[in-house]
N, C-alpha and C. Protein backbone atom coordinates (compact mmCIF):
# COMPACT_ATOMS: atom_id res chain seq x y z
N UNK A 1 202.52 68.87 70.33
CA UNK A 1 202.56 68.65 71.77
C UNK A 1 201.64 67.48 72.14
N UNK A 2 202.19 66.47 72.77
CA UNK A 2 201.40 65.33 73.24
C UNK A 2 200.83 65.64 74.61
N UNK A 3 199.54 65.40 74.80
CA UNK A 3 198.90 65.60 76.09
C UNK A 3 198.87 64.28 76.84
N UNK A 4 199.20 64.34 78.12
CA UNK A 4 199.30 63.14 78.95
C UNK A 4 198.34 63.28 80.13
N UNK A 5 197.27 62.49 80.11
CA UNK A 5 196.30 62.52 81.19
C UNK A 5 196.70 61.50 82.26
N UNK A 6 196.68 61.96 83.52
CA UNK A 6 197.14 61.11 84.61
C UNK A 6 196.34 61.37 85.88
N UNK A 7 196.45 60.41 86.80
CA UNK A 7 195.92 60.55 88.16
C UNK A 7 197.02 60.08 89.09
N UNK A 8 197.27 60.81 90.17
CA UNK A 8 198.34 60.45 91.10
C UNK A 8 198.14 59.08 91.72
N UNK A 9 196.91 58.57 91.72
CA UNK A 9 196.64 57.24 92.26
C UNK A 9 197.32 56.13 91.47
N UNK A 10 197.47 56.33 90.18
CA UNK A 10 197.74 55.22 89.26
C UNK A 10 199.23 54.94 89.08
N UNK A 11 199.69 53.72 89.40
CA UNK A 11 201.10 53.38 89.18
C UNK A 11 201.47 53.31 87.70
N UNK A 12 200.51 52.95 86.85
CA UNK A 12 200.79 52.90 85.42
C UNK A 12 201.00 54.32 84.88
N UNK A 13 200.19 55.24 85.37
CA UNK A 13 200.36 56.64 84.96
C UNK A 13 201.68 57.19 85.48
N UNK A 14 202.08 56.79 86.69
CA UNK A 14 203.38 57.22 87.21
C UNK A 14 204.50 56.81 86.25
N UNK A 15 204.46 55.56 85.80
CA UNK A 15 205.50 55.10 84.88
C UNK A 15 205.42 55.84 83.55
N UNK A 16 204.20 56.18 83.12
CA UNK A 16 204.04 56.95 81.89
C UNK A 16 204.59 58.36 82.03
N UNK A 17 204.38 58.98 83.18
CA UNK A 17 204.90 60.32 83.43
C UNK A 17 206.42 60.29 83.51
N UNK A 18 206.97 59.26 84.14
CA UNK A 18 208.43 59.13 84.21
C UNK A 18 209.02 59.00 82.80
N UNK A 19 208.39 58.18 81.97
CA UNK A 19 208.86 58.02 80.59
C UNK A 19 208.77 59.34 79.83
N UNK A 20 207.64 60.02 79.99
CA UNK A 20 207.47 61.30 79.30
C UNK A 20 208.48 62.33 79.76
N UNK A 21 208.83 62.30 81.04
CA UNK A 21 209.82 63.25 81.56
C UNK A 21 211.18 63.01 80.93
N UNK A 22 211.54 61.73 80.73
CA UNK A 22 212.80 61.40 80.07
C UNK A 22 212.78 61.90 78.63
N UNK A 23 211.69 61.64 77.93
CA UNK A 23 211.57 62.07 76.54
C UNK A 23 211.53 63.59 76.43
N UNK A 24 210.90 64.24 77.38
CA UNK A 24 210.83 65.70 77.39
C UNK A 24 212.23 66.29 77.52
N UNK A 25 213.07 65.66 78.32
CA UNK A 25 214.45 66.13 78.46
C UNK A 25 215.24 66.00 77.17
N UNK A 26 214.75 65.13 76.26
CA UNK A 26 215.38 64.94 74.95
C UNK A 26 214.75 65.82 73.88
N UNK A 27 213.80 66.66 74.26
CA UNK A 27 213.20 67.60 73.31
C UNK A 27 211.80 67.26 72.84
N UNK A 28 211.24 66.12 73.30
CA UNK A 28 209.87 65.73 72.93
C UNK A 28 208.89 66.59 73.73
N UNK A 29 207.81 67.04 73.09
CA UNK A 29 206.86 67.91 73.76
C UNK A 29 205.73 67.16 74.43
N UNK A 30 205.54 67.38 75.73
CA UNK A 30 204.44 66.78 76.49
C UNK A 30 203.79 67.84 77.37
N UNK A 31 202.49 67.72 77.54
CA UNK A 31 201.76 68.58 78.45
C UNK A 31 201.00 67.72 79.44
N UNK A 32 201.14 68.01 80.72
CA UNK A 32 200.46 67.25 81.76
C UNK A 32 199.00 67.67 81.86
N UNK A 33 198.09 66.68 81.91
CA UNK A 33 196.65 66.93 82.05
C UNK A 33 196.09 66.00 83.12
N UNK A 34 194.99 66.40 83.74
CA UNK A 34 194.41 65.63 84.83
C UNK A 34 193.21 64.80 84.39
N UNK A 35 193.12 63.60 84.96
CA UNK A 35 191.92 62.76 84.85
C UNK A 35 191.69 62.13 86.22
N UNK A 36 190.46 62.15 86.69
CA UNK A 36 190.13 61.59 88.00
C UNK A 36 189.56 60.18 87.86
N UNK A 37 190.28 59.20 88.38
CA UNK A 37 189.78 57.83 88.39
C UNK A 37 188.58 57.70 89.31
N UNK A 38 188.56 58.49 90.39
CA UNK A 38 187.42 58.46 91.30
C UNK A 38 186.16 58.92 90.57
N UNK A 39 186.26 60.05 89.86
CA UNK A 39 185.11 60.54 89.11
C UNK A 39 184.75 59.59 87.97
N UNK A 40 185.75 59.11 87.27
CA UNK A 40 185.51 58.25 86.12
C UNK A 40 184.86 56.92 86.48
N UNK A 41 185.12 56.44 87.72
CA UNK A 41 184.59 55.14 88.14
C UNK A 41 183.43 55.27 89.13
N UNK A 42 182.94 56.50 89.33
CA UNK A 42 181.85 56.66 90.29
C UNK A 42 180.57 56.03 89.73
N UNK A 43 179.86 55.24 90.56
CA UNK A 43 178.65 54.55 90.05
C UNK A 43 177.57 55.51 89.58
N UNK A 44 177.52 56.71 90.13
CA UNK A 44 176.50 57.67 89.71
C UNK A 44 176.74 58.18 88.29
N UNK A 45 177.93 57.94 87.76
CA UNK A 45 178.26 58.42 86.42
C UNK A 45 178.11 57.35 85.35
N UNK A 46 177.52 56.22 85.73
CA UNK A 46 177.37 55.13 84.76
C UNK A 46 176.51 55.53 83.57
N UNK A 47 175.52 56.38 83.82
CA UNK A 47 174.64 56.79 82.72
C UNK A 47 174.92 58.18 82.20
N UNK A 48 175.99 58.79 82.66
CA UNK A 48 176.32 60.15 82.27
C UNK A 48 177.03 60.86 83.41
N UNK A 49 177.72 61.92 83.10
CA UNK A 49 178.54 62.62 84.09
C UNK A 49 177.67 63.51 84.96
N UNK A 50 177.33 63.00 86.16
CA UNK A 50 176.50 63.78 87.09
C UNK A 50 177.21 64.03 88.42
N UNK A 51 178.07 63.11 88.86
CA UNK A 51 178.81 63.26 90.10
C UNK A 51 180.19 63.84 89.77
N UNK A 52 180.51 64.97 90.38
CA UNK A 52 181.77 65.64 90.08
C UNK A 52 182.63 65.72 91.33
N UNK A 53 183.89 65.32 91.22
CA UNK A 53 184.80 65.38 92.36
C UNK A 53 185.04 66.83 92.78
N UNK A 54 184.93 67.74 91.83
CA UNK A 54 185.16 69.15 92.14
C UNK A 54 184.03 69.76 92.98
N UNK A 55 182.92 69.06 93.13
CA UNK A 55 181.82 69.54 93.96
C UNK A 55 181.91 69.01 95.39
N UNK A 56 182.89 68.15 95.67
CA UNK A 56 182.95 67.48 96.96
C UNK A 56 183.81 68.27 97.96
N UNK A 57 183.50 68.18 99.25
CA UNK A 57 184.32 68.87 100.26
C UNK A 57 185.70 68.24 100.37
N UNK A 58 186.66 69.04 100.81
CA UNK A 58 188.04 68.57 100.89
C UNK A 58 188.22 67.44 101.89
N UNK A 59 187.35 67.38 102.89
CA UNK A 59 187.50 66.36 103.94
C UNK A 59 186.58 65.17 103.74
N UNK A 60 185.98 65.03 102.54
CA UNK A 60 185.06 63.93 102.28
C UNK A 60 185.78 62.59 102.39
N UNK A 61 185.13 61.62 103.02
CA UNK A 61 185.74 60.31 103.22
C UNK A 61 185.62 59.41 102.00
N UNK A 62 184.60 59.66 101.14
CA UNK A 62 184.40 58.79 99.99
C UNK A 62 183.76 57.48 100.41
N UNK A 63 184.03 56.42 99.63
CA UNK A 63 183.43 55.12 99.93
C UNK A 63 184.46 54.02 99.82
N UNK A 64 184.12 52.94 99.10
CA UNK A 64 185.04 51.82 98.94
C UNK A 64 185.68 51.86 97.56
N UNK A 65 186.68 51.01 97.35
CA UNK A 65 187.36 50.97 96.06
C UNK A 65 188.00 52.31 95.74
N UNK A 66 187.86 52.74 94.47
CA UNK A 66 188.43 54.02 94.06
C UNK A 66 187.88 55.17 94.90
N UNK A 67 186.63 55.06 95.33
CA UNK A 67 186.00 56.16 96.05
C UNK A 67 186.69 56.46 97.38
N UNK A 68 187.40 55.49 97.93
CA UNK A 68 188.10 55.72 99.19
C UNK A 68 189.24 56.72 99.01
N UNK A 69 189.62 56.98 97.77
CA UNK A 69 190.70 57.91 97.48
C UNK A 69 190.20 59.30 97.10
N UNK A 70 188.90 59.52 97.30
CA UNK A 70 188.31 60.80 96.90
C UNK A 70 189.02 61.98 97.55
N UNK A 71 189.17 61.95 98.86
CA UNK A 71 189.78 63.09 99.56
C UNK A 71 191.24 63.29 99.18
N UNK A 72 192.10 62.24 99.25
CA UNK A 72 193.51 62.49 98.92
C UNK A 72 193.75 62.93 97.48
N UNK A 73 192.98 62.38 96.53
CA UNK A 73 193.24 62.78 95.15
C UNK A 73 192.74 64.19 94.85
N UNK A 74 191.60 64.57 95.40
CA UNK A 74 191.13 65.94 95.20
C UNK A 74 192.15 66.92 95.75
N UNK A 75 192.64 66.66 96.95
CA UNK A 75 193.64 67.54 97.55
C UNK A 75 194.94 67.54 96.75
N UNK A 76 195.33 66.38 96.22
CA UNK A 76 196.56 66.30 95.42
C UNK A 76 196.42 67.10 94.13
N UNK A 77 195.28 66.99 93.47
CA UNK A 77 195.06 67.75 92.25
C UNK A 77 195.14 69.26 92.52
N UNK A 78 194.50 69.71 93.58
CA UNK A 78 194.48 71.13 93.88
C UNK A 78 195.88 71.63 94.27
N UNK A 79 196.61 70.82 95.03
CA UNK A 79 197.99 71.20 95.38
C UNK A 79 198.86 71.28 94.14
N UNK A 80 198.65 70.34 93.21
CA UNK A 80 199.42 70.34 91.96
C UNK A 80 199.10 71.56 91.11
N UNK A 81 197.81 71.89 91.01
CA UNK A 81 197.42 73.06 90.21
C UNK A 81 198.03 74.34 90.77
N UNK A 82 198.13 74.43 92.09
CA UNK A 82 198.78 75.59 92.70
C UNK A 82 200.26 75.62 92.34
N UNK A 83 200.89 74.45 92.30
CA UNK A 83 202.30 74.38 91.90
C UNK A 83 202.48 74.75 90.44
N UNK A 84 201.53 74.34 89.60
CA UNK A 84 201.65 74.56 88.17
C UNK A 84 201.61 76.05 87.81
N UNK A 85 201.10 76.87 88.72
CA UNK A 85 201.08 78.31 88.46
C UNK A 85 202.49 78.90 88.39
N UNK A 86 203.49 78.12 88.83
CA UNK A 86 204.87 78.59 88.79
C UNK A 86 205.61 78.13 87.53
N UNK A 87 204.89 77.62 86.55
CA UNK A 87 205.49 77.32 85.27
C UNK A 87 205.57 75.84 84.95
N UNK A 88 205.89 75.54 83.70
CA UNK A 88 205.89 74.17 83.21
C UNK A 88 206.94 73.31 83.91
N UNK A 89 208.14 73.85 84.09
CA UNK A 89 209.17 73.06 84.77
C UNK A 89 208.77 72.74 86.20
N UNK A 90 208.16 73.71 86.87
CA UNK A 90 207.68 73.47 88.23
C UNK A 90 206.62 72.39 88.24
N UNK A 91 205.75 72.39 87.23
CA UNK A 91 204.70 71.38 87.13
C UNK A 91 205.29 69.98 87.05
N UNK A 92 206.27 69.80 86.19
CA UNK A 92 206.88 68.48 86.03
C UNK A 92 207.63 68.06 87.29
N UNK A 93 208.37 68.97 87.90
CA UNK A 93 209.14 68.63 89.09
C UNK A 93 208.23 68.26 90.25
N UNK A 94 207.14 69.03 90.42
CA UNK A 94 206.21 68.72 91.50
C UNK A 94 205.53 67.38 91.25
N UNK A 95 205.07 67.17 90.03
CA UNK A 95 204.37 65.92 89.69
C UNK A 95 205.26 64.71 89.93
N UNK A 96 206.49 64.76 89.45
CA UNK A 96 207.41 63.64 89.64
C UNK A 96 207.72 63.42 91.12
N UNK A 97 207.93 64.50 91.86
CA UNK A 97 208.25 64.37 93.28
C UNK A 97 207.09 63.74 94.05
N UNK A 98 205.86 64.15 93.74
CA UNK A 98 204.71 63.60 94.45
C UNK A 98 204.45 62.16 94.04
N UNK A 99 204.61 61.86 92.76
CA UNK A 99 204.47 60.48 92.30
C UNK A 99 205.48 59.57 92.99
N UNK A 100 206.72 60.00 93.07
CA UNK A 100 207.75 59.16 93.68
C UNK A 100 207.50 58.98 95.17
N UNK A 101 207.03 60.02 95.83
CA UNK A 101 206.71 59.89 97.25
C UNK A 101 205.61 58.85 97.46
N UNK A 102 204.59 58.88 96.58
CA UNK A 102 203.45 57.99 96.76
C UNK A 102 203.73 56.56 96.31
N UNK A 103 204.41 56.40 95.18
CA UNK A 103 204.56 55.06 94.62
C UNK A 103 205.91 54.40 94.90
N UNK A 104 206.96 55.16 95.08
CA UNK A 104 208.25 54.57 95.44
C UNK A 104 208.42 54.50 96.95
N UNK A 105 208.07 55.59 97.63
CA UNK A 105 208.25 55.64 99.08
C UNK A 105 207.02 55.16 99.83
N UNK A 106 205.94 54.89 99.10
CA UNK A 106 204.69 54.36 99.68
C UNK A 106 204.09 55.31 100.71
N UNK A 107 204.20 56.60 100.46
CA UNK A 107 203.64 57.59 101.36
C UNK A 107 202.21 57.93 100.94
N UNK A 108 201.36 58.28 101.88
CA UNK A 108 200.00 58.68 101.51
C UNK A 108 200.01 60.05 100.83
N UNK A 109 198.96 60.31 100.07
CA UNK A 109 198.80 61.62 99.45
C UNK A 109 198.21 62.56 100.50
N UNK A 110 199.11 63.15 101.31
CA UNK A 110 198.66 64.02 102.38
C UNK A 110 199.47 65.31 102.39
N UNK A 111 199.19 66.17 103.34
CA UNK A 111 199.83 67.48 103.38
C UNK A 111 201.34 67.39 103.51
N UNK A 112 201.83 66.41 104.27
CA UNK A 112 203.27 66.26 104.41
C UNK A 112 203.92 65.92 103.08
N UNK A 113 203.28 65.04 102.32
CA UNK A 113 203.82 64.66 101.01
C UNK A 113 203.74 65.83 100.04
N UNK A 114 202.66 66.60 100.08
CA UNK A 114 202.54 67.77 99.20
C UNK A 114 203.65 68.78 99.50
N UNK A 115 203.88 69.03 100.78
CA UNK A 115 204.89 70.02 101.17
C UNK A 115 206.28 69.57 100.77
N UNK A 116 206.56 68.29 100.96
CA UNK A 116 207.88 67.77 100.58
C UNK A 116 208.07 67.84 99.06
N UNK A 117 207.01 67.52 98.32
CA UNK A 117 207.10 67.58 96.86
C UNK A 117 207.34 69.02 96.40
N UNK A 118 206.67 69.96 97.03
CA UNK A 118 206.85 71.37 96.69
C UNK A 118 208.28 71.82 96.95
N UNK A 119 208.83 71.37 98.08
CA UNK A 119 210.21 71.74 98.42
C UNK A 119 211.19 71.10 97.45
N UNK A 120 210.99 69.81 97.15
CA UNK A 120 211.88 69.12 96.21
C UNK A 120 211.81 69.72 94.82
N UNK A 121 210.65 70.25 94.45
CA UNK A 121 210.47 70.86 93.13
C UNK A 121 211.09 72.25 93.06
N UNK A 122 211.53 72.76 94.20
CA UNK A 122 212.13 74.09 94.21
C UNK A 122 211.12 75.21 94.06
N UNK A 123 209.89 74.99 94.51
CA UNK A 123 208.86 76.01 94.38
C UNK A 123 209.13 77.19 95.32
N UNK A 124 208.59 78.32 94.96
CA UNK A 124 208.46 79.44 95.89
C UNK A 124 207.34 79.03 96.83
N UNK A 125 207.69 78.59 98.02
CA UNK A 125 206.70 77.98 98.91
C UNK A 125 205.63 78.98 99.37
N UNK A 126 206.02 80.21 99.57
CA UNK A 126 205.03 81.23 99.96
C UNK A 126 204.01 81.45 98.86
N UNK A 127 204.50 81.51 97.61
CA UNK A 127 203.59 81.71 96.48
C UNK A 127 202.70 80.49 96.29
N UNK A 128 203.25 79.31 96.51
CA UNK A 128 202.46 78.07 96.38
C UNK A 128 201.34 78.04 97.41
N UNK A 129 201.67 78.37 98.66
CA UNK A 129 200.65 78.37 99.69
C UNK A 129 199.60 79.45 99.43
N UNK A 130 200.04 80.59 98.91
CA UNK A 130 199.08 81.65 98.59
C UNK A 130 198.14 81.21 97.47
N UNK A 131 198.69 80.52 96.47
CA UNK A 131 197.86 80.04 95.36
C UNK A 131 196.85 79.01 95.84
N UNK A 132 197.19 78.22 96.83
CA UNK A 132 196.29 77.19 97.34
C UNK A 132 195.07 77.78 98.04
N UNK A 133 195.19 79.01 98.50
CA UNK A 133 194.06 79.65 99.19
C UNK A 133 192.92 79.99 98.24
N UNK A 134 193.23 80.08 96.94
CA UNK A 134 192.18 80.33 95.95
C UNK A 134 191.55 79.01 95.57
N UNK A 135 190.88 78.39 96.53
CA UNK A 135 190.31 77.06 96.31
C UNK A 135 189.28 77.05 95.20
N UNK A 136 188.45 78.09 95.15
CA UNK A 136 187.41 78.14 94.12
C UNK A 136 188.03 78.20 92.73
N UNK A 137 189.07 79.00 92.59
CA UNK A 137 189.74 79.10 91.29
C UNK A 137 190.40 77.80 90.88
N UNK A 138 191.03 77.13 91.84
CA UNK A 138 191.67 75.85 91.54
C UNK A 138 190.64 74.79 91.18
N UNK A 139 189.52 74.78 91.88
CA UNK A 139 188.46 73.82 91.55
C UNK A 139 187.93 74.06 90.13
N UNK A 140 187.80 75.32 89.76
CA UNK A 140 187.31 75.63 88.41
C UNK A 140 188.30 75.13 87.36
N UNK A 141 189.61 75.30 87.62
CA UNK A 141 190.61 74.82 86.69
C UNK A 141 190.59 73.30 86.60
N UNK A 142 190.43 72.64 87.75
CA UNK A 142 190.37 71.18 87.74
C UNK A 142 189.15 70.69 86.99
N UNK A 143 188.02 71.33 87.19
CA UNK A 143 186.79 70.93 86.50
C UNK A 143 186.98 71.06 84.98
N UNK A 144 187.65 72.14 84.54
CA UNK A 144 187.91 72.32 83.12
C UNK A 144 188.81 71.21 82.58
N UNK A 145 189.79 70.81 83.38
CA UNK A 145 190.66 69.70 82.99
C UNK A 145 189.87 68.42 82.82
N UNK A 146 189.01 68.12 83.78
CA UNK A 146 188.24 66.88 83.73
C UNK A 146 187.21 66.92 82.60
N UNK A 147 186.67 68.10 82.31
CA UNK A 147 185.78 68.23 81.16
C UNK A 147 186.52 67.93 79.86
N UNK A 148 187.76 68.40 79.78
CA UNK A 148 188.58 68.14 78.59
C UNK A 148 188.82 66.64 78.43
N UNK A 149 189.11 65.97 79.55
CA UNK A 149 189.32 64.52 79.51
C UNK A 149 188.07 63.80 79.02
N UNK A 150 186.91 64.28 79.47
CA UNK A 150 185.64 63.66 79.03
C UNK A 150 185.42 63.84 77.54
N UNK A 151 185.80 65.00 77.02
CA UNK A 151 185.65 65.25 75.59
C UNK A 151 186.53 64.31 74.77
N UNK A 152 187.72 64.02 75.27
CA UNK A 152 188.63 63.11 74.58
C UNK A 152 188.12 61.68 74.68
N UNK A 153 187.42 61.37 75.77
CA UNK A 153 186.97 60.00 76.01
C UNK A 153 187.93 59.22 76.88
N UNK A 154 188.71 59.92 77.69
CA UNK A 154 189.65 59.25 78.58
C UNK A 154 188.89 58.38 79.57
N UNK A 155 189.37 57.15 79.78
CA UNK A 155 188.74 56.26 80.75
C UNK A 155 189.74 55.69 81.73
N UNK A 156 191.02 55.82 81.43
CA UNK A 156 192.06 55.29 82.31
C UNK A 156 193.34 56.08 82.12
N UNK A 157 194.29 55.83 83.01
CA UNK A 157 195.56 56.56 82.95
C UNK A 157 196.74 55.59 82.94
N UNK A 158 197.78 55.96 82.18
CA UNK A 158 197.93 57.19 81.40
C UNK A 158 197.26 57.08 80.03
N UNK A 159 196.66 58.16 79.61
CA UNK A 159 196.17 58.29 78.24
C UNK A 159 196.97 59.38 77.55
N UNK A 160 197.52 59.04 76.39
CA UNK A 160 198.31 59.98 75.59
C UNK A 160 197.48 60.43 74.39
N UNK A 161 197.45 61.74 74.17
CA UNK A 161 196.80 62.30 72.99
C UNK A 161 197.89 62.94 72.14
N UNK A 162 198.15 62.34 70.98
CA UNK A 162 199.22 62.82 70.11
C UNK A 162 198.80 64.11 69.41
N UNK A 163 199.76 64.84 68.84
CA UNK A 163 199.44 66.10 68.16
C UNK A 163 198.42 65.96 67.04
N UNK A 164 198.34 64.78 66.41
CA UNK A 164 197.38 64.60 65.33
C UNK A 164 196.00 64.20 65.84
N UNK A 165 195.83 64.15 67.16
CA UNK A 165 194.54 63.80 67.74
C UNK A 165 194.38 62.34 68.10
N UNK A 166 195.29 61.48 67.64
CA UNK A 166 195.23 60.07 68.01
C UNK A 166 195.42 59.94 69.53
N UNK A 167 194.65 59.07 70.15
CA UNK A 167 194.70 58.95 71.60
C UNK A 167 194.53 57.50 72.01
N UNK A 168 195.24 57.10 73.07
CA UNK A 168 195.11 55.74 73.58
C UNK A 168 195.63 55.66 75.01
N UNK A 169 195.02 54.76 75.75
CA UNK A 169 195.48 54.39 77.09
C UNK A 169 196.63 53.39 76.91
N UNK A 170 197.70 53.59 77.66
CA UNK A 170 198.88 52.74 77.52
C UNK A 170 199.31 52.31 78.92
N UNK A 171 199.12 51.06 79.26
CA UNK A 171 199.39 50.56 80.60
C UNK A 171 200.84 50.08 80.71
N UNK A 172 201.65 50.84 81.41
CA UNK A 172 203.06 50.51 81.59
C UNK A 172 203.24 49.62 82.82
N UNK A 173 203.74 48.41 82.62
CA UNK A 173 204.01 47.53 83.74
C UNK A 173 205.45 47.65 84.21
N UNK A 174 206.30 48.30 83.43
CA UNK A 174 207.69 48.50 83.80
C UNK A 174 208.02 49.99 83.84
N UNK A 175 208.99 50.33 84.65
CA UNK A 175 209.45 51.70 84.79
C UNK A 175 210.81 51.84 84.11
N UNK A 176 210.99 52.93 83.36
CA UNK A 176 212.31 53.23 82.82
C UNK A 176 212.59 54.70 82.98
N UNK A 177 213.86 54.98 83.25
CA UNK A 177 214.35 56.36 83.23
C UNK A 177 215.55 56.46 82.29
N UNK A 178 215.71 55.41 81.46
CA UNK A 178 216.81 55.36 80.51
C UNK A 178 216.37 56.00 79.19
N UNK A 179 217.07 57.00 78.70
CA UNK A 179 216.63 57.71 77.48
C UNK A 179 216.47 56.81 76.26
N UNK A 180 217.43 55.90 76.05
CA UNK A 180 217.35 55.03 74.87
C UNK A 180 216.15 54.09 74.97
N UNK A 181 215.98 53.50 76.13
CA UNK A 181 214.87 52.58 76.33
C UNK A 181 213.53 53.32 76.23
N UNK A 182 213.47 54.50 76.82
CA UNK A 182 212.24 55.29 76.75
C UNK A 182 211.89 55.62 75.31
N UNK A 183 212.89 55.93 74.50
CA UNK A 183 212.64 56.23 73.09
C UNK A 183 212.07 55.04 72.34
N UNK A 184 212.58 53.85 72.63
CA UNK A 184 212.08 52.63 71.99
C UNK A 184 210.63 52.38 72.40
N UNK A 185 210.34 52.52 73.67
CA UNK A 185 208.99 52.27 74.15
C UNK A 185 208.00 53.27 73.58
N UNK A 186 208.40 54.51 73.46
CA UNK A 186 207.52 55.55 72.93
C UNK A 186 207.26 55.32 71.44
N UNK A 187 208.27 54.93 70.71
CA UNK A 187 208.10 54.65 69.30
C UNK A 187 207.17 53.46 69.10
N UNK A 188 207.30 52.45 69.98
CA UNK A 188 206.41 51.29 69.91
C UNK A 188 204.97 51.72 70.10
N UNK A 189 204.71 52.58 71.06
CA UNK A 189 203.37 53.08 71.30
C UNK A 189 202.82 53.76 70.05
N UNK A 190 203.59 54.64 69.44
CA UNK A 190 203.13 55.36 68.26
C UNK A 190 202.93 54.42 67.08
N UNK A 191 203.80 53.44 66.94
CA UNK A 191 203.66 52.48 65.84
C UNK A 191 202.36 51.69 65.96
N UNK A 192 202.05 51.24 67.18
CA UNK A 192 200.83 50.48 67.39
C UNK A 192 199.61 51.36 67.15
N UNK A 193 199.67 52.60 67.64
CA UNK A 193 198.53 53.50 67.52
C UNK A 193 198.23 53.83 66.06
N UNK A 194 199.28 53.92 65.24
CA UNK A 194 199.10 54.31 63.85
C UNK A 194 199.10 53.13 62.88
N UNK A 195 199.19 51.91 63.42
CA UNK A 195 199.24 50.74 62.56
C UNK A 195 197.97 50.59 61.74
N UNK A 196 198.12 50.20 60.48
CA UNK A 196 196.97 49.94 59.62
C UNK A 196 196.18 48.73 60.09
N UNK A 197 196.75 47.96 60.99
CA UNK A 197 196.02 46.82 61.54
C UNK A 197 194.84 47.27 62.41
N UNK A 198 194.86 48.53 62.82
CA UNK A 198 193.76 49.04 63.62
C UNK A 198 193.65 48.38 64.98
N UNK A 199 194.79 48.16 65.64
CA UNK A 199 194.80 47.47 66.92
C UNK A 199 194.11 48.33 67.98
N UNK A 200 193.04 47.79 68.55
CA UNK A 200 192.29 48.54 69.55
C UNK A 200 192.61 48.11 70.97
N UNK A 201 192.89 46.82 71.17
CA UNK A 201 193.16 46.30 72.51
C UNK A 201 194.23 45.23 72.44
N UNK A 202 195.18 45.31 73.35
CA UNK A 202 196.14 44.23 73.57
C UNK A 202 196.11 43.93 75.06
N UNK A 203 195.78 42.72 75.44
CA UNK A 203 195.73 42.34 76.84
C UNK A 203 196.38 40.99 77.01
N UNK A 204 197.45 40.96 77.77
CA UNK A 204 198.19 39.70 77.94
C UNK A 204 197.39 38.70 78.77
N UNK A 205 197.61 37.41 78.49
CA UNK A 205 197.00 36.36 79.27
C UNK A 205 197.53 36.39 80.70
N UNK A 206 196.68 36.04 81.67
CA UNK A 206 197.07 36.15 83.08
C UNK A 206 198.23 35.24 83.44
N UNK A 207 198.37 34.10 82.75
CA UNK A 207 199.42 33.15 83.10
C UNK A 207 200.64 33.27 82.18
N UNK A 208 200.81 34.45 81.59
CA UNK A 208 201.93 34.68 80.70
C UNK A 208 203.24 34.61 81.48
N UNK A 209 204.35 34.22 80.82
CA UNK A 209 205.66 34.28 81.49
C UNK A 209 206.07 35.74 81.65
N UNK A 210 206.90 36.03 82.65
CA UNK A 210 207.34 37.42 82.85
C UNK A 210 208.15 37.94 81.68
N UNK A 211 208.02 39.22 81.39
CA UNK A 211 208.77 39.84 80.31
C UNK A 211 210.22 40.00 80.74
N UNK A 212 211.14 39.50 79.92
CA UNK A 212 212.56 39.61 80.24
C UNK A 212 213.10 40.95 79.77
N UNK A 213 213.93 41.56 80.59
CA UNK A 213 214.51 42.85 80.26
C UNK A 213 216.02 42.73 80.21
N UNK A 214 216.62 43.53 79.38
CA UNK A 214 218.07 43.60 79.30
C UNK A 214 218.71 42.36 78.73
N UNK A 215 218.04 41.78 77.71
CA UNK A 215 218.62 40.62 77.04
C UNK A 215 218.12 39.34 77.62
């Protein structure tokens, strides 16, 4: 089972989750995991993990940059965890619906988007709302998720952890929902990760020509 760490903020993680969803439909095993870019990039954590998003109030305004997303992402994580209590399929449907609302429809991560995602995912809405009332329990689950990400060394999203323990951040600049194309891209990721060349970083030059697709 490959673990996929993501944050709803990240468009690259959205594309990674979309790819994983296509591969999952073909029988590939993936498990959704959380990583907070706000927590990971907080200046108080430069010397060690001391500032925790799970300790912050739901209505906190945050600051500038990533910190301005403190409130919406904390609420999104907790809403997602409540949805995940209805099973793995519900988790994927809710995650995809909320990602598409935020990144395709350009909607904010707010209560209206959470409710629409829950409805599109086919959740038992009463059970979802009831689960959300256990805020302390959801915060504890989120904290455990973020602790797991710290143990792996996750620093960005999406980060994939393969069944053999190999892990890497993979920045997707293109979106695909095509099964054949998704398979090629996933194999490329695994080939690079396991290459004897020991490739640690690939970063394209800023003035590179655009990547051509479809021939």
